[in-house]
Amino acid sequence: YTDKPTVQDADKNTIHPNAFNVSRSYINVTGNLSHLVAFRITPDITRETGTGSTLSGSLTFRLKYAFGQVNFDDFLTHGSWARLGVQQTPFVDFMEGIYRYRFQGTIFEEREGFLTSSDFALAAHSTLPGNYGDFHAGVYNGDGYQRVEANNQKAFQIRGTVRPFPLGGNLKGLRLTAFYDADKYVKNGERTRFVAAATFEHKYVNAA
């Protein structure tokens, strides 16, 4: 239901637009081929809004995630892995794990078009000993899973997070994060992003 602005229907009546709709839906297919090799496939079904297409207005099927993963828990800290395919990007995925209201919309950086939540990439993740933090880095196409790669430019993205007080009671929920995205629209055309964040998680409140 849309309160404002009102519109006119085909008979020139002033109305408040309203409709039942499924705006997004996911089906997660995950599995392990062994304790070393895992995979995930997530279809993303969304409304086609382009004009001039026979699919305009239809619910269309696309891939949000489709990757293979090699786990390094036997050799490194728990939660260490490498992935190849369409996968989560380092900062958006991290923040969405803290942001409790994803059902209301995307996080600021994605909503404003600075970052995307998923992209084609080769990436790796590892945790620091003692639960002191983690890092996530990879080489990505840069334009997101919704678009094909436009040229030969790739994005290097890296996020590092430190938990200063991993055993500190309520302070255990405090984390300090830095994220850097080195990308280019075209050769010699920089598209860089830097984000710094302090986040705090508690059973009664989350803040950032």
Protein backbone atom coordinates (compact mmCIF):
# COMPACT_ATOMS: atom_id res chain seq x y z
CA TYR A 1 0.00 0.00 0.00
CA THR A 2 1.41 3.39 -1.04
CA ASP A 3 0.05 6.37 0.88
CA LYS A 4 1.90 9.05 -1.10
CA PRO A 5 2.15 9.86 -3.92
CA THR A 6 -1.25 8.94 -5.26
CA VAL A 7 -1.62 8.07 -8.94
CA GLN A 8 -4.38 7.92 -11.54
CA ASP A 9 -5.70 4.63 -12.83
CA ALA A 10 -6.70 3.94 -16.45
CA ASP A 11 -10.10 5.58 -15.83
CA LYS A 12 -8.51 8.77 -14.35
CA ASN A 13 -9.50 7.91 -10.76
CA THR A 14 -7.07 9.06 -8.06
CA ILE A 15 -5.94 5.98 -6.14
CA HIS A 16 -3.44 4.70 -3.61
CA PRO A 17 -1.48 1.93 -5.42
CA ASN A 18 -1.51 -1.43 -3.61
CA ALA A 19 -0.65 -4.99 -4.56
CA PHE A 20 0.28 -8.37 -3.14
CA ASN A 21 3.87 -9.14 -4.14
CA VAL A 22 6.81 -11.43 -3.59
CA SER A 23 9.69 -9.00 -4.00
CA ARG A 24 12.51 -11.47 -3.29
CA SER A 25 12.82 -15.18 -2.53
CA TYR A 26 15.70 -17.56 -1.90
CA ILE A 27 16.21 -21.31 -1.97
CA ASN A 28 19.53 -22.33 -0.40
CA VAL A 29 21.18 -25.53 -1.58
CA THR A 30 24.25 -26.28 0.53
CA GLY A 31 26.33 -29.38 1.09
CA ASN A 32 29.67 -30.99 1.81
CA LEU A 33 31.41 -33.38 -0.56
CA SER A 34 33.83 -34.08 2.29
CA HIS A 35 35.01 -32.27 5.39
CA LEU A 36 37.39 -30.36 3.10
CA VAL A 37 35.10 -29.44 0.20
CA ALA A 38 31.73 -27.65 0.45
CA PHE A 39 29.39 -25.81 -1.90
CA ARG A 40 26.43 -23.44 -1.95
CA ILE A 41 23.93 -22.56 -4.66
CA THR A 42 21.34 -19.86 -3.98
CA PRO A 43 18.83 -18.88 -6.67
CA ASP A 44 17.55 -15.33 -6.31
CA ILE A 45 14.05 -14.76 -7.68
CA THR A 46 13.20 -11.11 -8.29
CA ARG A 47 10.78 -8.93 -10.23
CA GLU A 48 11.90 -7.99 -13.74
CA THR A 49 11.41 -4.22 -14.08
CA GLY A 50 13.14 -3.53 -17.40
CA THR A 51 11.17 -2.13 -20.29
CA GLY A 52 11.06 -3.38 -23.83
CA SER A 53 11.40 -7.02 -22.79
CA THR A 54 8.87 -9.84 -22.96
CA LEU A 55 9.93 -10.62 -19.36
CA SER A 56 9.00 -7.18 -18.03
CA GLY A 57 6.88 -7.66 -14.91
CA SER A 58 7.76 -11.35 -14.59
CA LEU A 59 9.48 -12.99 -11.65
CA THR A 60 12.89 -14.01 -13.01
CA PHE A 61 15.46 -16.51 -11.77
CA ARG A 62 19.11 -15.58 -11.29
CA LEU A 63 22.04 -16.80 -9.23
CA LYS A 64 22.93 -14.89 -6.07
CA TYR A 65 25.50 -17.41 -4.80
CA ALA A 66 27.11 -20.36 -6.55
CA PHE A 67 30.53 -21.31 -5.21
CA GLY A 68 32.81 -24.14 -4.23
CA GLN A 69 34.73 -23.93 -0.97
CA VAL A 70 37.85 -25.66 0.33
CA ASN A 71 38.08 -25.73 4.13
CA PHE A 72 41.47 -25.32 5.80
CA ASP A 73 40.41 -26.12 9.37
CA ASP A 74 42.83 -29.07 9.44
CA PHE A 75 45.80 -26.78 8.81
CA LEU A 76 44.78 -23.28 9.99
CA THR A 77 42.39 -21.76 12.53
CA HIS A 78 38.73 -22.84 12.50
CA GLY A 79 36.75 -20.92 9.89
CA SER A 80 39.58 -20.70 7.35
CA TRP A 81 38.61 -21.37 3.73
CA ALA A 82 39.02 -20.43 0.07
CA ARG A 83 36.10 -19.95 -2.33
CA LEU A 84 35.70 -19.75 -6.10
CA GLY A 85 32.47 -18.60 -7.76
CA VAL A 86 29.64 -16.16 -7.10
CA GLN A 87 29.96 -15.36 -3.41
CA GLN A 88 29.55 -12.87 -0.57
CA THR A 89 31.70 -9.75 -0.55
CA PRO A 90 33.79 -9.12 2.60
CA PHE A 91 32.16 -6.04 4.14
CA VAL A 92 28.47 -6.40 3.27
CA ASP A 93 28.34 -10.02 4.44
CA PHE A 94 30.06 -9.11 7.72
CA MET A 95 27.73 -6.20 8.49
CA GLU A 96 24.61 -8.16 7.58
CA GLY A 97 25.61 -10.69 10.23
CA ILE A 98 25.30 -7.90 12.80
CA TYR A 99 22.46 -5.84 11.28
CA ARG A 100 19.27 -7.36 12.70
CA TYR A 101 16.90 -5.59 10.31
CA ARG A 102 17.91 -6.96 6.91
CA PHE A 103 14.22 -7.61 6.20
CA GLN A 104 13.72 -3.81 6.13
CA GLY A 105 16.32 -3.28 3.43
CA THR A 106 19.98 -3.44 2.53
CA ILE A 107 22.78 -1.80 4.51
CA PHE A 108 23.72 1.79 3.67
CA GLU A 109 26.77 1.07 1.52
CA GLU A 110 24.86 -1.31 -0.74
CA ARG A 111 21.68 0.76 -0.86
CA GLU A 112 23.62 3.82 -2.05
CA GLY A 113 25.43 1.84 -4.74
CA PHE A 114 28.94 1.94 -3.24
CA LEU A 115 29.20 -1.83 -2.68
CA THR A 116 27.41 -4.99 -3.70
CA SER A 117 26.54 -8.00 -1.57
CA SER A 118 27.70 -10.70 -4.03
CA ASP A 119 30.13 -10.94 -6.94
CA PHE A 120 32.16 -13.41 -9.00
CA ALA A 121 35.47 -13.93 -7.22
CA LEU A 122 38.34 -15.95 -5.84
CA ALA A 123 38.49 -15.19 -2.10
CA ALA A 124 39.79 -16.47 1.22
CA HIS A 125 38.91 -16.07 4.89
CA SER A 126 40.71 -16.85 8.13
CA THR A 127 40.28 -16.18 11.83
CA LEU A 128 42.85 -14.97 14.33
CA PRO A 129 43.82 -17.30 17.20
CA GLY A 130 41.96 -16.79 20.46
CA ASN A 131 38.89 -15.26 18.77
CA TYR A 132 40.70 -11.94 18.39
CA GLY A 133 39.16 -11.31 14.96
CA ASP A 134 39.26 -12.35 11.34
CA PHE A 135 40.08 -11.21 7.82
CA HIS A 136 38.42 -11.78 4.45
CA ALA A 137 40.01 -10.86 1.10
CA GLY A 138 39.56 -11.64 -2.56
CA VAL A 139 39.76 -10.61 -6.20
CA TYR A 140 36.30 -9.75 -7.57
CA ASN A 141 34.88 -8.70 -10.93
CA GLY A 142 33.76 -5.49 -9.24
CA ASP A 143 30.37 -4.92 -10.87
CA GLY A 144 28.35 -7.35 -8.75
CA TYR A 145 26.40 -10.51 -9.47
CA GLN A 146 23.66 -8.58 -11.33
CA ARG A 147 25.99 -7.53 -14.16
CA VAL A 148 28.52 -9.08 -16.51
CA GLU A 149 32.15 -7.99 -16.26
CA ALA A 150 32.49 -4.90 -18.47
CA ASN A 151 36.25 -5.02 -19.10
CA ASN A 152 39.55 -6.39 -17.79
CA GLN A 153 39.54 -4.47 -14.49
CA LYS A 154 39.19 -6.40 -11.22
CA ALA A 155 38.50 -5.30 -7.65
CA PHE A 156 40.73 -6.30 -4.74
CA GLN A 157 38.66 -6.23 -1.55
CA ILE A 158 39.92 -6.85 1.96
CA ARG A 159 38.30 -6.58 5.39
CA GLY A 160 40.12 -6.95 8.69
CA THR A 161 38.31 -7.11 12.03
CA VAL A 162 39.77 -7.07 15.53
CA ARG A 163 37.94 -8.08 18.71
CA PRO A 164 40.00 -6.29 21.44
CA PHE A 165 38.42 -8.11 24.39
CA PRO A 166 37.51 -11.66 23.27
CA LEU A 167 37.09 -12.79 26.87
CA GLY A 168 35.93 -9.47 28.28
CA GLY A 169 32.33 -10.16 29.31
CA ASN A 170 30.08 -7.48 27.81
CA LEU A 171 33.07 -5.97 25.98
CA LYS A 172 33.42 -9.21 24.03
CA GLY A 173 30.84 -7.81 21.61
CA LEU A 174 33.06 -4.89 20.60
CA ARG A 175 34.76 -5.18 17.19
CA LEU A 176 36.81 -2.72 15.14
CA THR A 177 36.76 -3.15 11.36
CA ALA A 178 38.51 -1.65 8.35
CA PHE A 179 37.57 -2.41 4.75
CA TYR A 180 39.29 -1.39 1.50
CA ASP A 181 38.11 -1.89 -2.08
CA ALA A 182 40.68 -1.12 -4.80
CA ASP A 183 38.80 -1.11 -8.10
CA LYS A 184 38.70 0.77 -11.42
CA TYR A 185 35.85 1.70 -13.76
CA VAL A 186 38.37 1.51 -16.62
CA LYS A 187 42.16 1.57 -16.79
CA ASN A 188 43.40 4.66 -14.88
CA GLY A 189 39.83 5.36 -13.69
CA GLU A 190 39.87 4.72 -9.94
CA ARG A 191 36.87 3.39 -8.04
CA THR A 192 38.11 2.95 -4.49
CA ARG A 193 36.12 2.51 -1.30
CA PHE A 194 37.24 2.66 2.33
CA VAL A 195 35.01 1.94 5.31
CA ALA A 196 35.89 1.97 9.01
CA ALA A 197 33.42 0.65 11.56
CA ALA A 198 33.10 0.05 15.28
CA THR A 199 30.37 -2.46 16.09
CA PHE A 200 28.97 -3.69 19.39
CA GLU A 201 26.76 -6.74 19.91
CA HIS A 202 24.84 -7.50 23.10
CA LYS A 203 21.77 -9.60 23.82
CA TYR A 204 19.79 -6.41 24.42
CA VAL A 205 21.23 -4.05 21.80
CA ASN A 206 23.36 -3.90 18.67
CA ALA A 207 25.14 -0.72 17.65
CA ALA A 208 27.55 0.43 14.96
